[in-house]
Amino acid sequence: MFANFSSQIFLLMIFYLAQSFKEILNMNEPLNRRSFSSKVLSAPFYSLNALSAFSSSNEPTEKMTVVITGASSGIGLDAATKLSSMGQDVHILCRTLAKGKEAALKSGAKGYFECDLSSLQSVRNFAEEWGDKPIDVLCLNAGTAPATKGKCQYTSEGFEMAVGTNHMGHFLLSQLLLGNMGKSRVENPRLVVTASSVHDPDTPGGDVGSKATLGDLRGLKSYLEGDKTFDMVDGAQYDGDKSYKDSKLCNVLFTLEMERRLRASGSKVKGPKLSHSHDNFFRGRSARIASAPALLQAPAYSGTKTRSS
């Protein structure tokens, strides 16, 4: 029915989400929507568009190897351009080599690769191509937002497209490249996740239209039990608006659990500092983004809350 590899990574992803829920449910306070949001918002993600708290004196003095997904446009392209202008070794991952080549020419990136996050095999192919080369900063930035109306679209493995691309593809990529980050020569290599405030029903954007919720992960359970596809994580009828918001909630829960695991294992890979931002990554919109020093030198995890998009 499923490739063994897909089932294994799928199970591991569910375990991460379940662990995040467990941590949230262990709060010493009643669990309501606001307390849930407060806990989730303390996850250590760092948006790509958060230079405002950093001056030019914060620019790194050593060259770093930076890998960025979704760098063909928007925040990713802007970050790649700024990092390249600072002399960093930037490598961009795009759905096709053609898009990657075009983005590399625009941004000045050192390298480009094909990595279609809607295909776990494509993610594996990239990881194999990259080999054992060290990575100093891994930016999980790519994202897709489906039409709010219309039929559900699926990834190669049968995952709903937004959750499959924005979360599952990145989840696998991070698992495959953590060893490369461990080989980094810098003291604290960075894992960076681009999140969005729409994962939180109590924020502007998140409180418009359908609200993000993963329920009891029933949709994922059905997939594992034999369904060839899943439309929604919570098992509900397909909702394009909600699927994107759910994918960003998955991103935040994943980051929360990843940071906990990295701390517990004593890994030198650190969770990024939280940042306050109101920008978005959607294509075609002007970007007041200047992220490079923040990406490379953000301090280790802080408990500050954020509204990021």
Protein backbone atom coordinates (compact mmCIF):
# COMPACT_ATOMS: atom_id res chain seq x y z
CA MET A 1 0.00 0.00 0.00
CA PHE A 2 2.59 2.61 1.11
CA ALA A 3 6.33 2.64 0.68
CA ASN A 4 7.84 1.51 3.95
CA PHE A 5 9.84 4.70 4.18
CA SER A 6 6.76 6.90 3.83
CA SER A 7 4.98 5.01 6.62
CA GLN A 8 7.99 5.27 8.93
CA ILE A 9 8.44 9.02 8.51
CA PHE A 10 4.66 9.46 8.79
CA LEU A 11 4.61 7.63 12.12
CA LEU A 12 7.55 9.66 13.40
CA MET A 13 5.82 12.89 12.39
CA ILE A 14 2.67 11.86 14.28
CA PHE A 15 4.79 11.08 17.34
CA TYR A 16 6.27 14.58 17.24
CA LEU A 17 2.82 16.14 17.09
CA ALA A 18 1.55 13.89 19.87
CA GLN A 19 4.51 14.82 22.08
CA SER A 20 3.77 18.50 21.51
CA PHE A 21 0.15 17.97 22.53
CA LYS A 22 1.35 16.08 25.62
CA GLU A 23 3.57 18.99 26.67
CA ILE A 24 0.71 21.43 26.18
CA LEU A 25 -1.73 19.28 28.13
CA ASN A 26 0.71 19.11 31.06
CA MET A 27 0.28 22.82 31.74
CA ASN A 28 -0.73 23.64 35.29
CA GLU A 29 -3.72 25.66 34.17
CA PRO A 30 -7.07 24.99 32.53
CA LEU A 31 -6.68 24.26 28.83
CA ASN A 32 -8.68 26.70 26.77
CA ARG A 33 -8.13 28.27 23.39
CA ARG A 34 -6.11 31.18 24.73
CA SER A 35 -3.89 29.11 27.02
CA PHE A 36 -3.32 26.66 24.16
CA SER A 37 -2.35 29.51 21.85
CA SER A 38 -0.08 31.01 24.50
CA LYS A 39 1.77 27.73 24.92
CA VAL A 40 2.10 27.11 21.19
CA LEU A 41 3.27 30.67 20.58
CA SER A 42 6.24 30.08 22.90
CA ALA A 43 7.65 27.66 20.33
CA PRO A 44 11.14 28.66 19.20
CA PHE A 45 10.58 29.64 15.59
CA TYR A 46 12.31 32.54 13.91
CA SER A 47 10.66 34.26 10.99
CA LEU A 48 12.83 35.11 8.00
CA ASN A 49 11.66 38.74 8.00
CA ALA A 50 12.89 39.94 11.38
CA LEU A 51 15.90 42.20 11.04
CA SER A 52 14.38 45.12 12.93
CA ALA A 53 15.91 44.08 16.26
CA PHE A 54 19.39 43.78 14.77
CA SER A 55 21.80 46.50 13.66
CA SER A 56 24.46 46.21 10.97
CA SER A 57 27.01 45.56 13.70
CA ASN A 58 25.38 42.16 14.21
CA GLU A 59 26.46 40.88 10.82
CA PRO A 60 28.43 37.65 11.10
CA THR A 61 32.20 37.81 10.65
CA GLU A 62 32.59 34.27 9.26
CA LYS A 63 31.20 32.67 6.15
CA MET A 64 28.40 30.18 6.74
CA THR A 65 26.71 27.54 4.62
CA VAL A 66 23.02 28.38 4.46
CA VAL A 67 20.37 26.11 2.89
CA ILE A 68 16.97 27.71 2.19
CA THR A 69 13.81 26.09 0.83
CA GLY A 70 11.31 28.11 -1.18
CA ALA A 71 13.82 30.71 -2.35
CA SER A 72 12.38 31.31 -5.82
CA SER A 73 10.23 34.21 -4.60
CA GLY A 74 9.01 36.15 -1.58
CA ILE A 75 10.77 35.90 1.77
CA GLY A 76 13.04 33.08 0.66
CA LEU A 77 14.37 34.94 -2.37
CA ASP A 78 14.82 38.11 -0.34
CA ALA A 79 16.71 36.28 2.39
CA ALA A 80 18.90 34.46 -0.14
CA THR A 81 19.73 37.74 -1.86
CA LYS A 82 20.69 39.51 1.36
CA LEU A 83 22.70 36.58 2.70
CA SER A 84 24.54 36.23 -0.61
CA SER A 85 25.35 39.96 -0.61
CA MET A 86 26.94 39.43 2.82
CA GLY A 87 29.26 36.83 1.35
CA GLN A 88 27.53 33.74 2.76
CA ASP A 89 27.47 30.42 0.90
CA VAL A 90 23.77 30.23 0.10
CA HIS A 91 22.19 27.15 -1.47
CA ILE A 92 18.57 27.33 -2.53
CA LEU A 93 16.12 24.45 -2.89
CA CYS A 94 13.26 24.76 -5.38
CA ARG A 95 10.64 22.48 -6.90
CA THR A 96 12.53 22.32 -10.20
CA LEU A 97 16.09 22.94 -11.33
CA ALA A 98 14.83 25.60 -13.72
CA LYS A 99 13.28 27.58 -10.86
CA GLY A 100 16.42 27.05 -8.80
CA LYS A 101 18.71 28.31 -11.56
CA GLU A 102 16.57 31.40 -12.09
CA ALA A 103 16.50 32.16 -8.37
CA ALA A 104 20.25 31.65 -8.06
CA LEU A 105 20.86 34.16 -10.83
CA LYS A 106 18.58 36.69 -9.14
CA SER A 107 19.95 36.20 -5.63
CA GLY A 108 23.60 35.48 -6.27
CA ALA A 109 23.31 32.16 -4.43
CA LYS A 110 26.29 29.82 -4.67
CA GLY A 111 24.25 26.73 -5.47
CA TYR A 112 20.78 25.50 -6.35
CA PHE A 113 19.08 22.11 -6.12
CA GLU A 114 15.81 20.44 -7.00
CA CYS A 115 13.83 19.54 -3.91
CA ASP A 116 10.09 19.18 -4.38
CA LEU A 117 8.67 19.09 -0.86
CA SER A 118 5.45 17.53 -2.13
CA SER A 119 7.44 14.36 -2.86
CA LEU A 120 9.27 12.56 -0.06
CA GLN A 121 11.38 10.82 -2.69
CA SER A 122 12.49 14.19 -4.06
CA VAL A 123 13.47 15.24 -0.54
CA ARG A 124 15.48 12.05 -0.12
CA ASN A 125 17.12 12.56 -3.51
CA PHE A 126 18.30 16.01 -2.48
CA ALA A 127 19.67 14.75 0.84
CA GLU A 128 21.62 12.07 -1.02
CA GLU A 129 22.93 14.63 -3.50
CA TRP A 130 24.02 16.95 -0.69
CA GLY A 131 25.91 14.12 0.95
CA ASP A 132 27.79 14.66 4.20
CA LYS A 133 28.67 18.34 3.68
CA PRO A 134 28.14 20.44 6.84
CA ILE A 135 25.25 22.93 7.09
CA ASP A 136 25.42 25.95 9.40
CA VAL A 137 21.88 27.27 8.87
CA LEU A 138 18.88 25.30 7.56
CA CYS A 139 15.87 27.48 6.74
CA LEU A 140 12.55 25.65 6.32
CA ASN A 141 10.76 28.42 4.49
CA ALA A 142 8.88 27.03 1.46
CA GLY A 143 5.12 26.97 1.56
CA THR A 144 2.02 26.60 -0.54
CA ALA A 145 -1.47 27.92 0.12
CA PRO A 146 -4.29 26.11 -1.72
CA ALA A 147 -7.38 27.83 -3.06
CA THR A 148 -9.99 28.21 -0.34
CA LYS A 149 -12.55 26.63 -2.66
CA GLY A 150 -12.10 23.61 -4.87
CA LYS A 151 -11.11 19.98 -4.63
CA CYS A 152 -8.34 18.65 -2.44
CA GLN A 153 -4.97 18.19 -4.12
CA TYR A 154 -2.50 15.57 -2.94
CA THR A 155 1.24 15.05 -2.72
CA SER A 156 2.99 12.07 -4.29
CA GLU A 157 2.33 10.06 -1.12
CA GLY A 158 -1.35 11.01 -0.90
CA PHE A 159 -1.03 13.73 1.75
CA GLU A 160 -3.22 16.82 1.49
CA MET A 161 -1.03 19.29 -0.43
CA ALA A 162 -0.62 22.13 2.12
CA VAL A 163 0.13 19.90 5.12
CA GLY A 164 2.17 17.53 2.96
CA THR A 165 4.34 20.29 1.50
CA ASN A 166 4.55 22.87 4.26
CA HIS A 167 5.00 20.40 7.10
CA MET A 168 5.71 16.81 6.11
CA GLY A 169 8.27 17.58 3.42
CA HIS A 170 10.10 19.92 5.79
CA PHE A 171 9.82 17.43 8.63
CA LEU A 172 11.61 14.78 6.58
CA LEU A 173 14.20 17.26 5.30
CA SER A 174 15.11 18.32 8.83
CA GLN A 175 15.45 14.69 9.95
CA LEU A 176 17.75 13.87 7.06
CA LEU A 177 19.96 16.95 7.52
CA LEU A 178 20.34 17.15 11.31
CA GLY A 179 23.54 15.13 11.01
CA ASN A 180 24.92 17.69 8.55
CA MET A 181 24.13 20.47 11.01
CA GLY A 182 25.89 18.51 13.73
CA LYS A 183 29.03 18.65 11.58
CA SER A 184 28.92 22.45 11.41
CA ARG A 185 32.07 24.23 12.52
CA VAL A 186 30.07 27.07 14.10
CA GLU A 187 29.24 26.89 17.79
CA ASN A 188 25.47 26.94 17.35
CA PRO A 189 24.13 25.96 13.92
CA ARG A 190 20.56 27.12 13.33
CA LEU A 191 17.36 25.39 12.36
CA VAL A 192 14.93 28.08 11.18
CA VAL A 193 11.20 27.64 10.55
CA THR A 194 9.00 30.21 8.83
CA ALA A 195 5.70 30.25 10.70
CA SER A 196 2.49 32.27 10.46
CA SER A 197 0.09 33.85 12.91
CA VAL A 198 -2.83 32.16 11.12
CA HIS A 199 -2.13 29.01 13.17
CA ASP A 200 -3.56 30.88 16.16
CA PRO A 201 -7.37 31.46 16.18
CA ASP A 202 -6.88 34.46 18.47
CA THR A 203 -4.84 36.51 15.99
CA PRO A 204 -5.85 38.59 12.97
CA GLY A 205 -5.88 36.19 10.06
CA GLY A 206 -6.22 33.20 12.30
CA ASP A 207 -9.64 34.37 13.45
CA VAL A 208 -10.96 34.89 9.91
CA GLY A 209 -12.71 32.03 8.18
CA SER A 210 -11.97 28.47 9.27
CA LYS A 211 -9.88 28.02 12.42
CA ALA A 212 -6.79 25.85 12.75
CA THR A 213 -7.27 22.68 14.75
CA LEU A 214 -5.81 19.18 14.42
CA GLY A 215 -8.47 17.44 16.47
CA ASP A 216 -7.40 13.94 17.49
CA LEU A 217 -5.32 13.44 14.30
CA ARG A 218 -8.08 11.17 12.97
CA GLY A 219 -7.23 11.90 9.34
CA LEU A 220 -3.65 10.75 9.85
CA LYS A 221 -4.85 7.65 11.67
CA SER A 222 -7.15 6.71 8.80
CA TYR A 223 -4.30 7.11 6.34
CA LEU A 224 -2.13 4.73 8.33
CA GLU A 225 -4.99 2.24 8.61
CA GLY A 226 -5.43 1.94 4.87
CA ASP A 227 -6.84 5.05 3.22
CA LYS A 228 -4.73 5.96 0.20
CA THR A 229 -5.08 9.69 0.88
CA PHE A 230 -6.06 12.05 3.67
CA ASP A 231 -7.85 15.37 3.18
CA MET A 232 -7.58 16.93 6.65
CA VAL A 233 -5.47 16.10 9.70
CA ASP A 234 -8.56 16.05 11.93
CA GLY A 235 -10.47 13.81 9.52
CA ALA A 236 -13.03 16.46 8.61
CA GLN A 237 -14.28 17.34 5.14
CA TYR A 238 -11.70 19.15 3.00
CA ASP A 239 -11.39 22.88 3.67
CA GLY A 240 -8.69 24.72 1.70
CA ASP A 241 -8.63 27.68 4.08
CA LYS A 242 -8.24 25.47 7.12
CA SER A 243 -5.67 23.15 5.53
CA TYR A 244 -3.14 25.96 5.20
CA LYS A 245 -3.74 27.12 8.77
CA ASP A 246 -3.43 23.53 9.98
CA SER A 247 -0.10 23.20 8.16
CA LYS A 248 1.28 26.24 9.98
CA LEU A 249 0.04 24.86 13.30
CA CYS A 250 1.91 21.65 12.48
CA ASN A 251 5.02 23.75 11.80
CA VAL A 252 4.83 25.37 15.22
CA LEU A 253 4.12 22.14 17.09
CA PHE A 254 6.98 20.44 15.25
CA THR A 255 9.35 23.26 16.17
CA LEU A 256 8.29 23.12 19.80
CA GLU A 257 8.99 19.40 19.98
CA MET A 258 12.21 19.64 17.95
CA GLU A 259 13.60 22.28 20.28
CA ARG A 260 12.74 20.15 23.30
CA ARG A 261 14.51 17.15 21.80
CA LEU A 262 17.58 19.12 20.81
CA ARG A 263 17.90 20.46 24.34
CA ALA A 264 17.39 17.05 25.91
CA SER A 265 20.01 15.43 23.67
CA GLY A 266 22.60 18.14 24.30
CA SER A 267 22.81 18.89 20.59
CA LYS A 268 24.73 21.98 19.57
CA VAL A 269 21.96 22.71 17.06
CA LYS A 270 19.94 25.40 18.78
CA GLY A 271 16.35 26.51 18.53
CA PRO A 272 16.15 30.02 17.05
CA LYS A 273 15.20 33.17 18.94
CA LEU A 274 11.59 34.30 18.75
CA SER A 275 10.74 37.40 16.80
CA HIS A 276 7.81 39.76 16.34
CA SER A 277 6.65 40.22 12.78
CA HIS A 278 3.54 40.98 10.77
CA ASP A 279 4.80 40.34 7.23
CA ASN A 280 3.63 37.46 5.09
CA PHE A 281 5.30 35.34 2.45
CA PHE A 282 2.66 35.24 -0.24
CA ARG A 283 3.95 35.67 -3.76
CA GLY A 284 3.48 38.98 -5.49
CA ARG A 285 3.35 41.11 -2.36
CA SER A 286 6.02 43.66 -1.58
CA ALA A 287 8.49 42.44 1.01
CA ARG A 288 9.91 44.80 3.65
CA ILE A 289 12.22 41.99 4.62
CA ALA A 290 15.80 42.24 5.79
CA SER A 291 16.63 39.08 7.57
CA ALA A 292 20.21 38.05 7.03
CA PRO A 293 22.03 38.97 10.28
CA ALA A 294 19.10 37.75 12.35
CA LEU A 295 19.11 34.40 10.60
CA LEU A 296 22.79 33.82 11.23
CA GLN A 297 23.31 35.21 14.71
CA ALA A 298 20.01 35.05 16.59
CA PRO A 299 20.62 34.07 20.23
CA ALA A 300 19.45 30.73 21.52
CA TYR A 301 15.83 30.08 22.47
CA SER A 302 13.99 32.72 24.44
CA GLY A 303 10.56 32.40 26.00
CA THR A 304 9.31 35.63 24.44
CA LYS A 305 6.02 35.26 22.61
CA THR A 306 5.58 36.32 19.02
CA ARG A 307 3.08 37.01 16.31
CA SER A 308 4.77 35.97 13.09
CA SER A 309 3.57 35.56 9.54
